[in-house]
Amino acid sequence: MTSTTLRAGLVGYGFAGQTFHAPVLSAVPGLQLGAIMSSQADRARSDWPDATVVPDLAALLTLPDIDLIVVAAPNDAHFPVAKAALEAGKHVVVDKPFTLDASQARDLAALAARRGRMLSVYQNRRYDADFRTLGDVLASGRIGRPVYFESHFDRFRPQVRDRWRERPVPGAGLWVDLGAHLLDQAVQLFGRPDTLQLDTAALRDGARIEDHFHAVLRYEGGSNAPLRVVLHASTLAAHAAPRYILHGTRGSYVKHGVDPQEDALRAGGRPGEEGWGIDPVEGALKVLAVGDWMQDSTWPNRAGNYVDYYAAVRDAILGTAPNPVPPEQAVALMELLDLGARSAREGRALSP
């Protein structure tokens, strides 16, 4: 790590830009929020008085001291904004989902390679406390070989809001929104599935696009086989299911509750505050101890920290560490998201 300070330009200052990007990247030593492109100029200037606020992408890309462009615009803008930024010689971070489809993802990956620029996707849920802890549980071998895994992202939001995420427009819907997180986590843990089957539905009164999904990933070959993985998200779950359910040949691990960082950021918290990323709800572990006797215990949580993603981006740009989410991973995930959408349309399991 050198004393170089990289300056980031943020495209979009809606919920994602305000909550997940501006405060997180600004907490990284050697990374500074230098400019914001937003129609909410007054809000952006009030929150970040040291940043230059510009009205459009052309103005942002002409700023000579911006090294990194962070794309936090609506999903259908991810591809054209990232493409323009790469063509302007900038490094780029794109919020998930990477693009609208795998074809766009491959085009961006190829462009980044030709331009010699870093291109990455903001998969912040890899840095959740509960996901990090789940990785520790698997690595410990305490539950034996994993045979069944459920990952839930359940919320209770019965009212359909008038916003682009809930309209029938390109890039909207729960599968590309939360599925991009859950599917990425599953692939990080277990690799690419042999088949994927997705069911989606619009369950809320007045819903115009899917607000529920249930995906089944089958692993039939390789070191993780046989294994079933269920990914589930709902906007009508007043009683949320456990965040994780993991069964293995020697026991089980069950985790309730979610990583605290999103709620802290929503409330105006900043990374680095005392207790940041600490999840107080430990998961329950039940494993074979002696003979047929099952031992009940808890598993201590690791701390989560979204700042680690942007610190890795900084180091990747400086050439001192690998890209935390390289383009090939982003392309592979978009291929699986596309496969899931096709599976839902055809009502059958499909192979990648």
Foldseek 3Di string as FASTA:
>chain_A
DDQAAAEEEEEDDDPCNQQPNQQLQCVARSYYHAEYAYPPVVVVCVVPVNHHYDPDLVVVLPPPRHAEYEYPDAQQCQLVSLLVNLVSLHAYEYEFPNHLFLVSLVVSQVSCVVSVHFYFYQLLLCQAQVLVLVLVVVVVCQQPQWAEKEAEDEAADQDQDPDPQQAPDRRHDDCRPCVLNVVLSCCVRPNAAQKKAKAFDCPHVPGHHTQWMKMWGAHPDDPNPGHIYIYIYHNRCPPTDFRMWIHHPFWIKTHHDTFCSSVCSVVVHHPPPPPAQADPTWIWIWGDDPDNDIDIDTGHIDGGGSSVQSNQVSCVRVVNHNNPGGSVNSSVSSNVSVLHVVNNVVVHMDGD
